[in-house]
Amino acid sequence: MKVYFLLFLSVVALFLAGCVQTGGQVQREYVCPNGAIVANVSQCPPVQQVVEQTDPEMKTCEEMPDVENMHFSDYCYMGLAYKRENASICKKISEYQKASCYSGLAVLKSDVTLCDGAGSQKNNCYSTYATQKDDVTACDKITEAYLKDSCYSQYASKAGDSTICEKIKTLNSRENCYSNLASSQCDSSLCNKIANNNTKEQCLRNIQYCGGQTP
């Protein structure tokens, strides 16, 4: 049994070495890295070395210094993300600056879905996008109640659309939304949507001075 085993190993070794027998002589064959079969390893074509190319702009951002609370690398990466319109670069930015990177790029490309990559800062990204692009549907994506109400309020004020005030869940914020629009539009009917009597009366008094007129 031992003899057969040794014989088997000899056959395997001969096969792996790529040996063939021609005219009574043993000729070795070699398989080159590129797959070519040659008689001698020296006949293999030279192996091309793959040299890793360093992105000079990314390297510049990486080497930017941090001075106290100023992370210059963040601004460098942000500018590069805008230049290349590449949201993946925003991932290299510190957490508190991520919203600015993603929201700026989202506005630039008119694509609110880019805010989804902002992680814990995506709500701020949605809010900025809504204001910059006049797109109230971005406010709908915000999951934090206070920030969502603030987003609706800012949009309503900028767009002059009182129907958006109805979306605000917090009572005080909703009534302030109506009051602000009533003053800016000189529309007393908006004051009547306010439930709190003191706030409503103040709203009506403000209307009296609307347009610089005195009562």
Protein backbone atom coordinates (compact mmCIF):
# COMPACT_ATOMS: atom_id res chain seq x y z
CA MET A 1 0.00 0.00 0.00
CA LYS A 2 2.88 2.35 0.85
CA VAL A 3 4.52 1.68 -2.51
CA TYR A 4 1.34 2.64 -4.40
CA PHE A 5 1.01 5.83 -2.39
CA LEU A 6 4.58 6.88 -3.19
CA LEU A 7 4.00 6.10 -6.83
CA PHE A 8 0.86 8.28 -6.80
CA LEU A 9 2.80 11.21 -5.31
CA SER A 10 5.47 10.86 -7.96
CA VAL A 11 2.87 11.04 -10.75
CA VAL A 12 1.23 14.11 -9.22
CA ALA A 13 4.58 15.87 -8.83
CA LEU A 14 5.44 15.12 -12.44
CA PHE A 15 2.08 16.55 -13.59
CA LEU A 16 2.40 19.74 -11.55
CA ALA A 17 5.89 20.37 -12.90
CA GLY A 18 4.46 20.32 -16.39
CA CYS A 19 6.88 17.67 -17.60
CA VAL A 20 6.38 15.98 -20.95
CA GLN A 21 8.50 13.36 -22.64
CA THR A 22 9.42 13.77 -26.29
CA GLY A 23 11.97 11.60 -28.15
CA GLY A 24 13.08 9.94 -24.95
CA GLN A 25 13.91 13.31 -23.33
CA VAL A 26 11.93 15.00 -20.58
CA GLN A 27 10.92 18.53 -21.52
CA ARG A 28 9.64 20.91 -18.83
CA GLU A 29 6.81 23.30 -19.50
CA TYR A 30 5.96 26.39 -17.45
CA VAL A 31 2.74 28.29 -17.17
CA CYS A 32 3.42 32.04 -17.03
CA PRO A 33 1.36 34.44 -14.90
CA ASN A 34 -0.44 35.59 -18.04
CA GLY A 35 -1.38 32.00 -18.93
CA ALA A 36 1.22 31.44 -21.65
CA ILE A 37 2.95 28.00 -21.71
CA VAL A 38 6.68 28.10 -22.41
CA ALA A 39 9.58 25.67 -22.22
CA ASN A 40 11.55 27.79 -19.78
CA VAL A 41 10.45 30.29 -17.14
CA SER A 42 12.85 32.86 -18.60
CA GLN A 43 10.68 32.91 -21.72
CA CYS A 44 7.69 34.32 -19.83
CA PRO A 45 6.82 37.90 -20.80
CA PRO A 46 7.64 40.51 -18.13
CA VAL A 47 4.93 41.08 -15.54
CA GLN A 48 3.58 44.61 -15.67
CA GLN A 49 3.53 46.19 -12.26
CA VAL A 50 0.28 47.97 -11.39
CA VAL A 51 1.15 51.24 -9.76
CA GLU A 52 -1.57 52.68 -7.50
CA GLN A 53 -2.43 56.19 -8.60
CA THR A 54 -3.02 58.68 -5.81
CA ASP A 55 -5.80 61.22 -6.30
CA PRO A 56 -3.91 64.50 -5.78
CA GLU A 57 -7.02 66.52 -4.87
CA MET A 58 -8.19 63.99 -2.30
CA LYS A 59 -4.69 63.84 -0.88
CA THR A 60 -4.65 67.63 -0.54
CA CYS A 61 -7.90 67.53 1.46
CA GLU A 62 -6.58 64.69 3.61
CA GLU A 63 -3.51 66.72 4.54
CA MET A 64 -5.47 69.83 5.52
CA PRO A 65 -4.80 70.84 9.16
CA ASP A 66 -7.28 71.13 12.01
CA VAL A 67 -6.99 74.40 13.91
CA GLU A 68 -8.96 74.39 17.17
CA ASN A 69 -12.58 73.83 16.04
CA MET A 70 -11.85 74.55 12.38
CA HIS A 71 -11.63 71.42 10.26
CA PHE A 72 -10.22 72.70 6.99
CA SER A 73 -10.37 69.22 5.53
CA ASP A 74 -14.19 69.38 5.79
CA TYR A 75 -14.36 72.47 3.59
CA CYS A 76 -11.88 70.99 1.17
CA TYR A 77 -13.87 67.76 0.82
CA MET A 78 -17.09 69.75 0.53
CA GLY A 79 -15.75 71.85 -2.30
CA LEU A 80 -14.46 68.76 -4.04
CA ALA A 81 -17.84 67.03 -3.66
CA TYR A 82 -19.55 70.01 -5.32
CA LYS A 83 -16.91 70.21 -8.04
CA ARG A 84 -17.26 66.52 -8.93
CA GLU A 85 -20.95 66.30 -8.00
CA ASN A 86 -20.03 63.20 -6.04
CA ALA A 87 -21.99 62.54 -2.82
CA SER A 88 -19.65 59.76 -1.69
CA ILE A 89 -17.01 62.39 -0.84
CA CYS A 90 -19.40 63.83 1.78
CA LYS A 91 -18.83 60.64 3.82
CA LYS A 92 -15.34 61.87 4.67
CA ILE A 93 -16.68 64.99 6.37
CA SER A 94 -17.16 65.26 10.14
CA GLU A 95 -20.67 64.59 11.42
CA TYR A 96 -21.72 68.15 12.22
CA GLN A 97 -20.79 69.35 8.71
CA LYS A 98 -22.35 66.46 6.81
CA ALA A 99 -25.74 68.17 6.43
CA SER A 100 -24.12 71.14 4.67
CA CYS A 101 -22.30 68.89 2.23
CA TYR A 102 -25.29 66.71 1.36
CA SER A 103 -27.82 69.56 1.27
CA GLY A 104 -25.58 71.71 -0.92
CA LEU A 105 -25.08 68.85 -3.33
CA ALA A 106 -28.78 67.95 -3.25
CA VAL A 107 -29.70 71.54 -4.13
CA LEU A 108 -27.02 71.66 -6.81
CA LYS A 109 -28.33 68.50 -8.47
CA SER A 110 -32.01 69.09 -7.59
CA ASP A 111 -32.11 65.64 -6.00
CA VAL A 112 -33.54 65.48 -2.46
CA THR A 113 -32.75 61.75 -2.22
CA LEU A 114 -29.08 62.68 -1.73
CA CYS A 115 -30.07 63.81 1.78
CA ASP A 116 -30.72 60.15 2.63
CA GLY A 117 -26.97 59.62 2.88
CA ALA A 118 -26.50 62.29 5.55
CA GLY A 119 -27.17 59.86 8.42
CA SER A 120 -28.13 61.62 11.64
CA GLN A 121 -28.02 64.96 9.80
CA LYS A 122 -30.52 64.09 7.09
CA ASN A 123 -33.40 66.01 8.74
CA ASN A 124 -31.36 69.23 8.58
CA CYS A 125 -30.55 68.41 4.98
CA TYR A 126 -34.27 68.02 4.12
CA SER A 127 -35.05 71.33 5.81
CA THR A 128 -32.38 73.22 3.88
CA TYR A 129 -33.46 71.63 0.63
CA ALA A 130 -37.11 72.59 1.22
CA THR A 131 -36.18 76.23 1.79
CA GLN A 132 -33.64 76.50 -1.01
CA LYS A 133 -35.69 74.68 -3.64
CA ASP A 134 -39.16 75.82 -2.50
CA ASP A 135 -40.15 72.17 -2.17
CA VAL A 136 -42.47 71.52 0.77
CA THR A 137 -42.43 67.76 0.12
CA ALA A 138 -38.90 67.75 1.54
CA CYS A 139 -40.38 68.89 4.89
CA ASP A 140 -42.63 65.82 4.79
CA LYS A 141 -39.53 63.60 4.96
CA ILE A 142 -38.35 65.04 8.29
CA THR A 143 -38.84 62.63 11.20
CA GLU A 144 -38.20 65.03 14.10
CA ALA A 145 -41.46 66.80 15.02
CA TYR A 146 -39.95 70.15 16.07
CA LEU A 147 -37.75 70.41 13.01
CA LYS A 148 -40.62 69.40 10.72
CA ASP A 149 -42.87 72.14 12.17
CA SER A 150 -40.06 74.66 11.75
CA CYS A 151 -39.59 73.57 8.15
CA TYR A 152 -43.29 74.05 7.38
CA SER A 153 -43.28 77.45 9.09
CA GLN A 154 -40.26 78.69 7.12
CA TYR A 155 -41.73 77.43 3.88
CA ALA A 156 -45.15 79.01 4.55
CA SER A 157 -43.52 82.34 5.35
CA LYS A 158 -41.34 82.29 2.24
CA ALA A 159 -44.06 81.05 -0.11
CA GLY A 160 -46.85 83.09 1.51
CA ASP A 161 -48.97 79.94 1.64
CA SER A 162 -51.20 79.78 4.73
CA THR A 163 -52.40 76.26 3.87
CA ILE A 164 -48.97 74.98 4.92
CA CYS A 165 -49.60 76.27 8.45
CA GLU A 166 -52.24 73.56 8.76
CA LYS A 167 -49.51 70.92 8.57
CA ILE A 168 -47.85 72.19 11.74
CA LYS A 169 -48.62 69.88 14.68
CA THR A 170 -47.57 72.08 17.59
CA LEU A 171 -50.41 74.51 18.42
CA ASN A 172 -48.25 77.52 19.31
CA SER A 173 -46.12 77.11 16.20
CA ARG A 174 -49.19 76.76 14.00
CA GLU A 175 -50.84 79.89 15.41
CA ASN A 176 -47.62 81.86 15.09
CA CYS A 177 -47.51 80.75 11.47
CA TYR A 178 -50.98 82.22 10.86
CA SER A 179 -50.13 85.38 12.77
CA ASN A 180 -46.94 86.03 10.80
CA LEU A 181 -48.68 85.50 7.47
CA ALA A 182 -51.62 87.70 8.55
CA SER A 183 -49.21 90.56 9.22
CA SER A 184 -47.21 90.10 6.04
CA GLN A 185 -50.32 89.77 3.86
CA CYS A 186 -52.54 92.24 5.76
CA ASP A 187 -55.15 89.50 5.98
CA SER A 188 -57.26 89.56 9.16
CA SER A 189 -59.07 86.35 8.15
CA LEU A 190 -55.91 84.43 9.04
CA CYS A 191 -56.14 85.78 12.59
CA ASN A 192 -59.53 84.09 12.90
CA LYS A 193 -57.82 80.71 12.47
CA ILE A 194 -56.06 81.27 15.79
CA ALA A 195 -57.69 79.53 18.78
CA ASN A 196 -55.85 81.33 21.59
CA ASN A 197 -57.71 84.60 22.30
CA ASN A 198 -54.63 86.56 23.37
CA THR A 199 -52.71 85.52 20.27
CA LYS A 200 -55.71 86.28 18.06
CA GLU A 201 -56.16 89.76 19.54
CA GLN A 202 -52.48 90.51 19.10
CA CYS A 203 -52.74 89.31 15.51
CA LEU A 204 -55.67 91.66 14.83
CA ARG A 205 -53.83 94.57 16.44
CA ASN A 206 -50.86 93.92 14.18
CA ILE A 207 -53.17 94.07 11.16
CA GLN A 208 -54.14 97.60 12.16
CA TYR A 209 -50.59 98.71 11.50
CA CYS A 210 -50.32 96.70 8.31
CA GLY A 211 -48.63 98.51 5.44
CA GLY A 212 -47.39 101.25 7.73
CA GLN A 213 -50.90 102.55 8.38
CA THR A 214 -52.00 103.69 11.83
CA PRO A 215 -55.42 102.79 13.25
